[in-house]
Protein backbone atom coordinates (compact mmCIF):
# COMPACT_ATOMS: atom_id res chain seq x y z
CA MET A 1 -9.52 5.69 41.78
CA HIS A 2 -9.26 6.33 38.10
CA THR A 3 -6.36 5.09 35.96
CA VAL A 4 -6.62 7.03 32.76
CA THR A 5 -4.27 5.13 30.48
CA HIS A 6 -3.36 1.45 30.18
CA ARG A 7 -0.21 1.48 28.11
CA LEU A 8 3.41 0.64 28.72
CA PRO A 9 4.84 3.36 31.01
CA ALA A 10 6.99 5.88 29.19
CA ARG A 11 9.29 6.38 32.21
CA SER A 12 12.01 8.89 31.26
CA ARG A 13 10.15 9.83 28.06
CA ALA A 14 6.93 10.68 29.90
CA GLN A 15 5.56 14.18 29.58
CA LEU A 16 2.31 16.02 30.10
CA ILE A 17 1.93 19.44 28.49
CA ALA A 18 -1.15 21.62 29.02
CA SER A 19 -1.26 24.67 26.75
CA ASP A 20 -3.59 27.68 27.14
CA ILE A 21 -6.31 25.73 28.96
CA SER A 22 -9.61 27.52 29.64
CA VAL A 23 -12.80 26.08 31.11
CA THR A 24 -16.09 27.93 31.62
CA ARG A 25 -19.09 26.82 33.68
CA GLY A 26 -22.14 28.79 32.59
CA THR A 27 -20.96 32.39 32.73
CA THR A 28 -18.15 31.70 35.22
CA SER A 29 -14.57 31.25 34.05
CA VAL A 30 -13.18 28.36 36.10
CA LEU A 31 -9.77 28.07 34.43
CA HIS A 32 -8.27 30.92 32.45
CA HIS A 33 -5.32 30.37 30.07
CA VAL A 34 -3.45 27.77 32.14
CA ASP A 35 -0.06 26.53 30.92
CA LEU A 36 1.64 23.66 32.71
CA THR A 37 4.38 21.17 31.84
CA LEU A 38 5.02 17.93 33.75
CA THR A 39 8.05 15.67 33.50
CA PRO A 40 8.94 12.48 35.44
CA VAL A 41 10.61 14.60 38.14
CA SER A 42 7.83 17.19 38.54
CA ARG A 43 6.59 17.82 42.08
CA ILE A 44 3.70 20.25 41.66
CA ALA A 45 1.00 21.47 44.06
CA VAL A 46 -2.19 23.25 42.97
CA VAL A 47 -3.71 25.68 45.47
CA GLY A 48 -6.63 28.09 45.55
CA GLU A 49 -9.93 28.83 47.25
CA ASN A 50 -12.87 26.46 46.78
CA GLY A 51 -14.44 26.85 43.35
CA ARG A 52 -11.27 28.10 41.68
CA GLY A 53 -10.96 25.03 39.40
CA LYS A 54 -8.35 22.88 41.15
CA SER A 55 -10.19 19.58 40.66
CA THR A 56 -11.19 20.68 37.17
CA LEU A 57 -7.53 21.15 36.26
CA LEU A 58 -6.68 17.61 37.41
CA HIS A 59 -9.46 16.17 35.22
CA VAL A 60 -8.26 18.19 32.23
CA LEU A 61 -4.70 16.93 32.74
CA ALA A 62 -5.96 13.35 33.08
CA GLY A 63 -8.10 13.55 29.96
CA THR A 64 -11.42 12.88 31.70
CA LEU A 65 -12.58 16.44 30.91
CA THR A 66 -12.19 18.28 27.62
CA PRO A 67 -11.38 21.98 28.06
CA ASP A 68 -13.34 24.68 26.23
CA SER A 69 -10.08 25.82 24.67
CA GLY A 70 -6.45 24.74 24.75
CA THR A 71 -4.73 21.39 24.32
CA VAL A 72 -3.11 18.68 26.45
CA GLN A 73 -0.37 16.40 25.11
CA ARG A 74 0.15 13.16 27.05
CA ILE A 75 2.93 10.61 26.84
CA GLY A 76 2.83 7.94 29.55
CA THR A 77 0.33 6.49 32.02
CA ILE A 78 -1.71 8.54 34.46
CA GLY A 79 -3.34 7.64 37.78
CA LEU A 80 -6.01 10.00 39.14
CA ALA A 81 -7.46 10.03 42.66
CA GLU A 82 -10.59 12.15 42.83
CA GLN A 83 -11.66 13.87 46.04
CA GLU A 84 -15.15 12.32 45.98
CA MET A 85 -15.68 8.55 45.91
CA ASP A 86 -18.44 6.32 44.59
CA ALA A 87 -20.14 4.74 47.61
CA SER A 88 -21.86 2.13 45.40
CA ASP A 89 -18.67 0.32 44.35
CA HIS A 90 -19.52 -3.39 44.75
CA ARG A 91 -16.01 -4.74 44.21
CA THR A 92 -13.99 -6.39 46.94
CA VAL A 93 -10.70 -4.96 48.17
CA GLY A 94 -8.95 -7.74 46.27
CA GLN A 95 -10.73 -6.84 43.04
CA ALA A 96 -9.81 -3.17 43.49
CA VAL A 97 -6.17 -4.16 43.94
CA ALA A 98 -6.29 -6.45 40.89
CA ASP A 99 -7.81 -3.67 38.77
CA ALA A 100 -5.15 -1.21 39.93
CA ILE A 101 -2.29 -3.50 38.90
CA ALA A 102 -4.06 -5.17 35.97
CA GLU A 103 -1.24 -4.36 33.54
CA PRO A 104 1.54 -5.90 35.69
CA LEU A 105 -0.62 -8.96 36.45
CA ALA A 106 -1.40 -9.39 32.75
CA ALA A 107 2.31 -9.02 31.95
CA LEU A 108 3.20 -11.78 34.45
CA ALA A 109 0.49 -14.05 33.00
CA ARG A 110 1.83 -13.43 29.51
CA LEU A 111 5.38 -14.16 30.67
CA ASP A 112 4.23 -17.37 32.36
CA ALA A 113 2.50 -18.53 29.18
CA ALA A 114 5.53 -17.61 27.08
CA SER A 115 7.87 -19.56 29.37
CA HIS A 116 5.75 -22.69 28.96
CA ALA A 117 5.80 -22.21 25.17
CA LEU A 118 9.60 -22.22 25.16
CA THR A 119 9.46 -26.02 25.29
CA ASP A 120 8.38 -25.88 21.63
CA GLY A 121 11.87 -24.70 20.75
CA THR A 122 10.66 -22.41 17.95
CA ASP A 123 12.05 -19.00 17.08
CA ALA A 124 8.57 -17.52 17.48
CA ALA A 125 8.31 -18.85 21.04
CA ALA A 126 11.70 -17.41 21.92
CA ALA A 127 10.77 -14.03 20.45
CA GLU A 128 7.48 -13.98 22.37
CA TYR A 129 9.28 -14.82 25.62
CA ALA A 130 11.81 -12.03 25.05
CA ALA A 131 9.01 -9.54 24.36
CA ALA A 132 7.00 -10.68 27.40
CA LEU A 133 10.06 -10.45 29.63
CA GLU A 134 10.83 -6.92 28.40
CA HIS A 135 7.21 -5.89 29.04
CA ALA A 136 7.23 -7.33 32.59
CA GLU A 137 10.54 -5.65 33.39
CA ALA A 138 9.29 -2.28 32.12
CA LEU A 139 6.32 -2.56 34.48
CA ASP A 140 8.38 -3.91 37.38
CA ALA A 141 5.56 -6.45 37.43
CA TRP A 142 6.99 -8.82 40.05
CA ASP A 143 6.90 -6.06 42.69
CA ALA A 144 3.47 -4.61 41.91
CA GLU A 145 1.45 -6.66 44.38
CA ARG A 146 3.99 -6.09 47.13
CA ARG A 147 3.92 -2.32 46.53
CA VAL A 148 0.16 -2.22 47.02
CA GLN A 149 0.33 -4.43 50.11
CA VAL A 150 2.98 -2.21 51.70
CA ALA A 151 0.85 0.87 50.97
CA LEU A 152 -2.30 -0.75 52.41
CA GLU A 153 -0.54 -1.50 55.66
CA ALA A 154 1.25 1.86 55.89
CA LEU A 155 -1.99 3.79 55.33
CA ASP A 156 -3.88 1.65 57.85
CA ALA A 157 -6.20 0.51 55.05
CA GLU A 158 -8.26 -2.67 54.87
CA THR A 159 -6.06 -5.67 54.00
CA ASP A 160 -8.80 -8.34 53.96
CA MET A 161 -9.11 -8.95 50.22
CA THR A 162 -12.62 -10.39 50.60
CA ARG A 163 -14.15 -7.25 52.15
CA LEU A 164 -16.59 -5.32 49.96
CA LEU A 165 -15.65 -1.69 49.37
CA ALA A 166 -19.30 -0.71 49.87
CA GLU A 167 -19.11 -2.05 53.43
CA LEU A 168 -16.13 0.17 54.33
CA SER A 169 -16.31 3.67 55.76
CA VAL A 170 -15.51 6.63 53.53
CA GLY A 171 -12.06 6.91 55.11
CA GLN A 172 -11.33 3.21 54.70
CA ARG A 173 -12.37 3.23 51.03
CA TYR A 174 -10.25 6.32 50.46
CA ARG A 175 -7.16 4.67 51.95
CA VAL A 176 -7.64 1.51 49.86
CA ARG A 177 -7.88 3.59 46.70
CA LEU A 178 -4.81 5.65 47.59
CA ALA A 179 -2.79 2.50 48.33
CA CYS A 180 -3.78 1.06 44.94
CA LEU A 181 -2.66 4.20 43.15
CA LEU A 182 0.66 4.38 44.99
CA GLY A 183 1.31 0.74 44.15
CA ALA A 184 0.29 1.04 40.50
CA ASP A 185 3.42 3.05 39.69
CA ASP A 186 2.06 5.18 36.83
CA ASP A 187 4.18 7.79 35.08
CA PHE A 188 2.04 10.57 36.54
CA LEU A 189 0.06 10.63 39.77
CA LEU A 190 -2.71 13.22 40.16
CA LEU A 191 -4.09 13.45 43.71
CA ASP A 192 -7.04 15.56 44.89
CA GLU A 193 -6.83 16.37 48.64
CA PRO A 194 -4.95 13.13 49.43
CA THR A 195 -4.41 13.96 53.13
CA ASN A 196 -8.10 13.50 53.92
CA HIS A 197 -8.69 10.53 56.25
CA LEU A 198 -4.99 9.94 56.98
CA ASP A 199 -3.40 9.85 60.43
CA ARG A 200 0.10 11.07 61.17
CA SER A 201 1.89 7.87 60.12
CA GLY A 202 -0.21 7.74 56.95
CA LEU A 203 0.71 11.34 56.15
CA GLU A 204 4.39 10.59 56.65
CA PHE A 205 4.17 7.54 54.34
CA LEU A 206 2.31 9.50 51.65
CA THR A 207 4.84 12.33 51.81
CA ALA A 208 7.78 9.94 51.48
CA GLN A 209 6.11 8.12 48.57
CA ILE A 210 5.35 11.18 46.46
CA ARG A 211 8.77 12.67 47.12
CA SER A 212 10.73 9.57 46.10
CA ARG A 213 8.61 7.97 43.37
CA ASN A 214 9.88 7.67 39.81
CA GLY A 215 7.24 9.77 38.11
CA GLY A 216 5.63 13.17 38.12
CA VAL A 217 3.19 14.17 40.87
CA VAL A 218 0.47 16.84 40.95
CA VAL A 219 -1.35 17.33 44.26
CA VAL A 220 -4.33 19.53 45.05
CA SER A 221 -4.16 20.26 48.77
CA HIS A 222 -4.76 22.79 51.55
CA ASP A 223 -2.27 20.92 53.77
CA ARG A 224 0.55 23.43 54.12
CA ALA A 225 2.89 20.89 55.71
CA LEU A 226 2.50 18.56 52.72
CA LEU A 227 3.11 21.48 50.35
CA SER A 228 6.20 22.47 52.31
CA ASP A 229 7.55 18.91 52.42
CA PHE A 230 7.10 17.83 48.80
CA ALA A 231 6.20 20.63 46.36
CA GLU A 232 8.89 22.24 44.24
CA THR A 233 6.45 24.19 42.06
CA ILE A 234 3.11 25.67 43.17
CA VAL A 235 0.31 26.67 40.82
CA ASP A 236 -1.94 29.31 42.40
CA LEU A 237 -5.44 29.51 40.91
CA ASP A 238 -6.64 32.31 43.20
CA PRO A 239 -7.63 35.65 41.57
CA THR A 240 -4.87 37.77 40.01
CA PRO A 241 -4.89 41.21 38.33
CA ASP A 242 -5.14 39.65 34.84
CA ASP A 243 -7.10 36.55 35.97
CA ARG A 244 -4.29 34.25 34.85
CA PRO A 245 -2.89 31.68 37.29
CA ARG A 246 0.52 32.21 38.81
CA VAL A 247 3.26 29.57 38.94
CA TYR A 248 5.85 29.86 41.71
CA GLY A 249 9.12 27.99 42.04
CA ASN A 250 11.31 27.39 45.09
CA GLY A 251 8.67 25.40 46.96
CA TYR A 252 6.27 26.67 49.58
CA SER A 253 8.52 29.49 50.77
CA GLY A 254 8.87 30.73 47.18
CA TYR A 255 5.10 30.65 46.81
CA ARG A 256 4.51 32.65 50.00
CA ASP A 257 7.12 35.27 49.07
CA GLY A 258 5.87 35.48 45.49
CA ARG A 259 2.24 35.78 46.52
CA LEU A 260 3.00 38.65 48.90
CA ALA A 261 5.02 40.48 46.25
CA GLU A 262 2.23 39.94 43.70
CA ARG A 263 -0.38 41.39 46.05
CA GLU A 264 1.80 44.39 46.83
CA ARG A 265 2.22 45.16 43.10
CA TRP A 266 -1.51 44.62 42.58
CA GLU A 267 -2.44 47.04 45.37
CA GLN A 268 0.01 49.66 44.10
CA GLU A 269 -1.33 49.52 40.54
CA TYR A 270 -4.94 49.56 41.73
CA ASP A 271 -4.27 52.57 43.99
CA LYS A 272 -2.48 54.33 41.11
CA GLN A 273 -5.44 53.85 38.76
CA GLN A 274 -7.92 54.87 41.45
CA ALA A 275 -5.91 58.04 42.17
CA GLU A 276 -5.78 58.94 38.47
CA ARG A 277 -9.52 58.43 38.12
CA ALA A 278 -10.13 60.61 41.17
CA ARG A 279 -7.90 63.33 39.64
CA LEU A 280 -9.85 63.21 36.36
CA GLN A 281 -13.14 63.34 38.27
CA ASP A 282 -11.97 66.40 40.22
CA SER A 283 -10.83 68.03 36.96
CA LEU A 284 -14.25 67.40 35.40
CA SER A 285 -16.05 68.79 38.45
CA ALA A 286 -13.89 71.93 38.36
CA ALA A 287 -14.61 72.42 34.63
CA GLN A 288 -18.33 71.97 35.24
CA ASN A 289 -18.21 74.58 38.00
CA ARG A 290 -16.41 77.00 35.68
CA LEU A 291 -19.07 76.38 33.06
CA VAL A 292 -21.83 77.31 35.53
CA SER A 293 -20.06 80.47 36.62
CA GLY A 294 -19.11 81.23 32.99
CA TRP A 295 -22.72 81.98 32.13
CA ARG A 296 -22.63 84.89 34.58
CA PRO A 297 -19.58 86.94 33.47
CA GLU A 298 -18.60 90.26 35.00
CA LYS A 299 -20.54 93.38 34.07
CA GLY A 300 -19.44 95.03 30.88
CA THR A 301 -18.58 91.81 29.04
CA ASN A 302 -20.07 91.90 25.54
CA LYS A 303 -22.34 89.21 24.10
CA HIS A 304 -19.64 87.93 21.77
CA GLY A 305 -17.26 87.52 24.69
CA ARG A 306 -19.86 85.67 26.73
CA ALA A 307 -20.60 83.30 23.84
CA THR A 308 -16.91 82.66 23.12
CA ARG A 309 -16.17 82.00 26.78
CA ALA A 310 -19.18 79.69 27.15
CA GLY A 311 -18.16 77.66 24.10
CA SER A 312 -14.62 77.08 25.34
CA LEU A 313 -15.92 76.05 28.73
CA VAL A 314 -18.31 73.55 27.15
CA GLN A 315 -15.42 72.10 25.13
CA SER A 316 -13.34 71.87 28.32
CA VAL A 317 -16.09 69.89 30.04
CA HIS A 318 -16.44 67.56 27.05
CA ARG A 319 -12.68 66.94 26.93
CA ARG A 320 -12.62 66.03 30.61
CA GLN A 321 -15.68 63.80 30.30
CA GLU A 322 -14.00 61.93 27.45
CA ALA A 323 -10.79 61.60 29.47
CA LEU A 324 -12.72 60.19 32.41
CA GLU A 325 -14.66 57.74 30.23
CA THR A 326 -11.54 56.48 28.47
CA HIS A 327 -9.71 55.98 31.76
CA ALA A 328 -11.22 52.62 32.64
CA ILE A 329 -9.86 50.97 35.77
CA THR A 330 -8.43 47.79 34.24
CA VAL A 331 -7.07 46.35 37.49
CA PRO A 332 -9.72 44.56 39.60
CA GLU A 333 -9.96 45.25 43.30
CA PRO A 334 -7.19 43.39 45.19
CA PRO A 335 -8.10 40.61 47.62
CA GLN A 336 -8.83 41.59 51.18
CA VAL A 337 -6.12 41.59 53.82
CA PHE A 338 -6.97 40.16 57.24
CA ARG A 339 -6.68 42.91 59.84
CA PHE A 340 -6.40 41.34 63.27
CA PRO A 341 -7.61 43.84 65.88
CA GLU A 342 -5.42 44.98 68.73
CA LEU A 343 -6.29 42.87 71.78
CA SER A 344 -5.12 44.47 74.99
CA THR A 345 -4.86 42.37 78.15
CA ARG A 346 -4.12 42.86 81.82
CA THR A 347 -0.57 42.42 82.97
CA GLY A 348 0.41 40.86 86.26
CA ALA A 349 -2.34 38.49 87.42
CA ALA A 350 -3.21 35.29 85.58
CA LEU A 351 -6.00 35.62 83.03
CA LEU A 352 -7.06 31.97 83.17
CA ASN A 353 -6.31 29.16 85.64
CA VAL A 354 -7.28 25.55 84.91
CA GLU A 355 -6.57 23.32 87.90
CA ASN A 356 -6.73 19.51 87.93
CA VAL A 357 -9.73 19.23 85.60
CA SER A 358 -11.11 16.00 84.12
CA VAL A 359 -14.38 14.87 82.52
CA ALA A 360 -15.43 11.24 82.91
CA GLY A 361 -15.18 9.34 79.66
CA ARG A 362 -14.13 12.41 77.69
CA LEU A 363 -11.03 13.97 79.21
CA ARG A 364 -8.53 11.97 81.18
CA GLY A 365 -6.90 14.13 83.79
CA PRO A 366 -5.98 15.85 85.81
CA VAL A 367 -5.06 18.74 83.48
CA SER A 368 -3.64 22.00 84.84
CA PHE A 369 -2.31 25.14 83.21
CA SER A 370 -2.24 28.89 83.76
CA LEU A 371 -2.18 31.69 81.20
CA SER A 372 -1.33 35.35 81.71
CA HIS A 373 -0.56 38.35 79.46
CA ARG A 374 0.72 37.03 76.07
CA GLY A 375 0.45 33.46 77.39
CA ARG A 376 0.57 30.67 74.81
CA LEU A 377 -0.45 26.99 74.82
CA ILE A 378 -0.87 24.33 72.12
CA VAL A 379 -3.08 21.31 72.85
CA THR A 380 -2.33 18.26 70.71
CA GLY A 381 -3.34 14.60 70.59
CA PRO A 382 -5.30 12.11 68.44
CA ASN A 383 -9.02 12.44 67.86
CA GLY A 384 -11.16 11.39 70.79
CA THR A 385 -8.63 12.17 73.50
CA GLY A 386 -10.44 15.28 74.78
CA LYS A 387 -8.89 18.34 73.11
CA SER A 388 -12.25 19.96 72.34
CA THR A 389 -13.55 18.91 75.76
CA LEU A 390 -10.64 20.69 77.45
CA LEU A 391 -11.36 23.91 75.54
CA ARG A 392 -15.05 23.70 76.44
CA VAL A 393 -14.12 23.32 80.10
CA ALA A 394 -11.64 26.22 79.90
CA SER A 395 -14.27 28.44 78.27
CA GLY A 396 -16.78 27.73 81.04
CA GLU A 397 -19.19 26.04 78.63
CA LEU A 398 -18.75 22.62 80.28
CA GLU A 399 -18.44 21.84 83.99
CA PRO A 400 -15.58 19.43 84.81
CA ASP A 401 -16.16 16.38 87.00
CA THR A 402 -13.01 17.21 88.94
CA GLY A 403 -10.99 20.39 89.28
CA VAL A 404 -11.82 24.04 88.81
CA VAL A 405 -11.47 26.85 86.25
CA ARG A 406 -10.81 30.38 87.50
CA LYS A 407 -10.61 33.72 85.69
CA PRO A 408 -10.69 37.25 87.13
CA SER A 409 -13.85 39.30 86.82
CA GLY A 410 -14.11 41.22 83.56
CA ILE A 411 -11.78 38.95 81.59
CA ARG A 412 -13.22 38.32 78.12
CA LEU A 413 -12.84 34.82 76.63
CA GLY A 414 -13.24 34.39 72.88
CA TYR A 415 -14.01 30.76 71.99
CA LEU A 416 -13.84 29.55 68.37
CA ARG A 417 -15.55 26.15 68.31
CA GLN A 418 -14.58 23.45 65.86
CA GLU A 419 -18.15 23.22 64.54
CA SER A 420 -20.21 26.24 63.51
CA ASP A 421 -23.71 26.87 64.89
CA LEU A 422 -24.56 30.01 62.91
CA PRO A 423 -28.23 30.78 62.08
CA THR A 424 -28.44 29.84 58.41
CA ASP A 425 -31.52 31.97 57.61
CA ARG A 426 -30.04 35.33 58.67
CA ARG A 427 -27.73 37.56 56.66
CA ALA A 428 -24.07 37.52 57.66
CA SER A 429 -23.96 41.29 58.28
CA GLU A 430 -27.04 41.04 60.51
CA VAL A 431 -25.54 38.20 62.55
CA TYR A 432 -22.38 40.20 63.19
CA ARG A 433 -24.18 43.47 63.95
CA THR A 434 -26.56 41.76 66.40
CA ARG A 435 -23.61 40.17 68.18
CA LEU A 436 -21.63 43.41 68.43
CA ASP A 437 -24.66 45.43 69.58
CA ALA A 438 -25.35 42.87 72.33
CA LEU A 439 -21.73 42.96 73.52
CA VAL A 440 -21.85 46.75 73.78
CA ALA A 441 -25.34 46.87 75.33
CA ASP A 442 -24.35 44.32 77.99
CA GLY A 443 -21.26 46.33 78.89
CA ILE A 444 -18.92 43.53 77.82
CA VAL A 445 -17.24 45.59 75.12
CA PRO A 446 -16.91 49.38 75.52
CA PRO A 447 -18.42 51.31 72.59
CA SER A 448 -14.99 52.73 71.77
CA GLU A 449 -13.63 49.18 71.24
CA GLY A 450 -16.38 47.99 68.88
CA VAL A 451 -14.99 46.69 65.59
CA GLY A 452 -17.09 46.84 62.42
CA VAL A 453 -17.05 43.62 60.44
CA SER A 454 -15.68 45.38 57.34
CA GLN A 455 -12.65 46.50 59.36
CA LEU A 456 -11.51 42.89 59.82
CA GLY A 457 -11.09 42.10 56.11
CA LEU A 458 -12.61 38.64 56.51
CA LEU A 459 -15.70 38.92 54.31
CA LYS A 460 -16.46 41.02 51.24
CA PRO A 461 -19.55 43.26 51.13
CA ARG A 462 -21.36 40.92 48.72
CA GLU A 463 -20.66 38.00 51.05
CA LEU A 464 -21.92 39.92 54.07
CA SER A 465 -25.20 40.57 52.25
CA LYS A 466 -25.85 36.83 51.81
CA ARG A 467 -27.72 34.58 54.19
CA VAL A 468 -25.38 32.39 56.23
CA GLY A 469 -26.76 29.25 54.56
CA GLU A 470 -25.65 30.64 51.17
CA LEU A 471 -22.03 31.04 52.28
CA SER A 472 -19.36 28.42 51.64
CA MET A 473 -17.82 26.51 54.56
CA GLY A 474 -14.78 28.76 54.36
CA GLN A 475 -16.89 31.93 54.43
CA GLN A 476 -18.88 30.64 57.41
CA ARG A 477 -15.62 29.91 59.20
CA ARG A 478 -14.50 33.48 58.52
CA LEU A 479 -17.75 34.77 60.04
CA ASP A 480 -17.21 32.56 63.12
CA LEU A 481 -13.74 34.06 63.53
CA ALA A 482 -15.12 37.59 63.11
CA LEU A 483 -17.72 36.99 65.84
CA VAL A 484 -14.99 35.83 68.23
CA LEU A 485 -12.83 38.88 67.51
CA ALA A 486 -15.84 41.20 67.96
CA MET A 487 -15.55 40.48 71.70
CA ARG A 488 -11.99 41.90 71.73
CA PRO A 489 -11.01 38.96 73.96
CA HIS A 490 -8.24 38.94 76.52
CA VAL A 491 -7.97 35.15 76.06
CA LEU A 492 -8.48 33.32 72.74
CA LEU A 493 -9.49 29.64 72.74
CA LEU A 494 -9.25 28.31 69.18
CA ASP A 495 -10.38 24.77 68.29
CA GLU A 496 -8.96 23.74 64.87
CA PRO A 497 -8.87 27.39 63.74
CA THR A 498 -7.42 26.63 60.28
CA ASN A 499 -10.29 24.34 59.20
CA HIS A 500 -11.84 25.50 55.88
CA LEU A 501 -9.66 28.63 55.70
CA SER A 502 -7.56 29.54 52.66
CA ILE A 503 -3.79 29.17 52.81
CA ALA A 504 -3.34 32.95 52.56
CA LEU A 505 -5.66 33.61 55.51
CA VAL A 506 -4.06 30.86 57.61
CA ASP A 507 -0.65 32.46 57.08
CA GLU A 508 -2.04 35.85 58.11
CA LEU A 509 -3.79 34.35 61.15
CA THR A 510 -0.62 32.54 62.19
CA GLU A 511 1.38 35.77 62.10
CA ALA A 512 -1.32 37.63 64.04
CA LEU A 513 -1.52 34.99 66.78
CA GLY A 514 2.21 35.17 67.28
CA ALA A 515 2.08 38.95 67.73
CA THR A 516 -1.13 39.54 69.73
CA GLN A 517 -1.05 40.68 73.35
CA ALA A 518 -3.94 38.34 74.18
CA ALA A 519 -3.37 34.92 75.71
CA VAL A 520 -3.95 32.11 73.18
CA ILE A 521 -4.83 28.41 73.47
CA LEU A 522 -4.71 26.41 70.22
CA SER A 523 -6.06 22.92 69.62
CA SER A 524 -5.02 21.71 66.18
CA HIS A 525 -4.07 18.84 63.89
CA ASP A 526 -2.56 21.33 61.42
CA ARG A 527 1.03 20.12 61.13
CA GLN A 528 2.34 23.34 59.63
CA LEU A 529 0.61 25.43 62.29
CA ILE A 530 2.21 23.28 64.99
CA ARG A 531 5.58 23.71 63.28
CA ASP A 532 5.09 27.47 63.06
CA MET A 533 4.26 27.56 66.79
CA ALA A 534 7.11 25.23 67.76
CA GLY A 535 8.32 27.67 70.42
CA TRP A 536 4.98 27.68 72.26
CA PRO A 537 4.40 25.66 75.44
CA SER A 538 2.41 22.51 74.67
CA ILE A 539 0.42 19.71 76.24
CA ASP A 540 -0.25 16.30 74.68
CA ILE A 541 -3.74 15.46 75.84
CA SER A 542 -3.33 11.74 75.08
CA THR A 543 -0.45 11.31 77.54
CA MET A 544 -1.08 14.36 79.70
CA ALA A 545 2.63 15.08 79.30
CA GLU A 546 3.07 18.75 80.07
CA SER A 547 5.92 20.96 78.96
CA GLY A 548 6.23 24.47 80.27
CA VAL A 549 2.50 25.11 80.47
CA ARG A 550 2.72 27.75 83.21
CA ALA A 551 2.63 30.52 80.60
């Protein structure tokens, strides 16, 4: 937790104006000409791939980081919750709470002292009491401790005021800090990935708090449900044609529509410039060919004619070279588009039957379901109830203690595990090629159905040339997904498939899963994904309550 200012809240007068902010790390531009205005009613989300400067922007807004260029004007108090936490904090929970609401507590102490001084009967004592009362009222000081206590309980945070923060788990410390910030009631609240370590009830409380609070809110998050539920404006820091961030209104739906329109314009302009460059290159090649043939004119042409013709041809080549050189492609290459391969399946017979399975201590059963052509199933439930275990059993990776799993011969199962086990010392392109070659050599995938990794649009050429250990978590997750799709599966088993993926890719994956002919089983905590798949049959693994799972 970091409270940046300790002044009287500005309330309706509060404002935060960032103008032309740029930040560079080494030779990399992290933020590029960012403009942003916050008022007490602002509900803003900041999105973008890892490394695009989201956390940096929060620190610039808060004043804990000075930008390389640009200015920030601040009126009012600011509370900042960073994504990373100091594990060496030796305060107690009670001390953390006291620090968070230090201003209201000090205002109450001042008011208490002023009330005792009223017995003096002096004008100065009366004036001090009036000033102290006004200060306490402005801070809503009487309610500060209660606000924090309510937040601690709602977020399932530690409420024992004597506990040391250093003794708490990362998640517990995070929830204490978040409760303190929500209770502190600053003019502006800046939150970096606040949904980490929260359960469903905690997420619902957080969402309600940041929607209803009297003050501006800026949230950095990949949680699409949170963005959909609270954000009115979305700042997208992902690459653009001019490298400037884009600001979209009309909430999450406005952002999705605007991003798609932006990419379409980007692709059109890029294609237009590429086509013009190709035309100029062809024109230059034609002029060069004429120059070569111009040195061998038809018989009977005099020397003067040959020289004149050669000179004009040379000039023509020079003109075309200059035209080609001056036609720089100013639009960078657009971002890749995920191209989900066509996955054909067998119609008629079931592709996968899971009958009365259970695993002692890991999956309470019995669980049964059947999937056929275009079958769908969502597996939900709290952590530890056996969702991943069920997918392992369904994939054939784990033998159940009771029950049986059946699939017809030749049916291909593609299993995306929650955790990656990629070889970190091998290049990404090599890992994929080895996998695809083995699938073809073993007769699992016909040669005609082999999909090159570049065809999927999941990784760029420079990323494919890196060793797996050099890739980000998101890039490794993309490679995991590519390896699953290389099998051209008839049945997809996906365990938390949206983990570490960008919002744009998750949207594309969601659309593809809804349209594919393959059968799909999803295990996920992603609230927006579950909403998007609301029409799918589902099973709650914690209660074993089944609903239409004979897909």
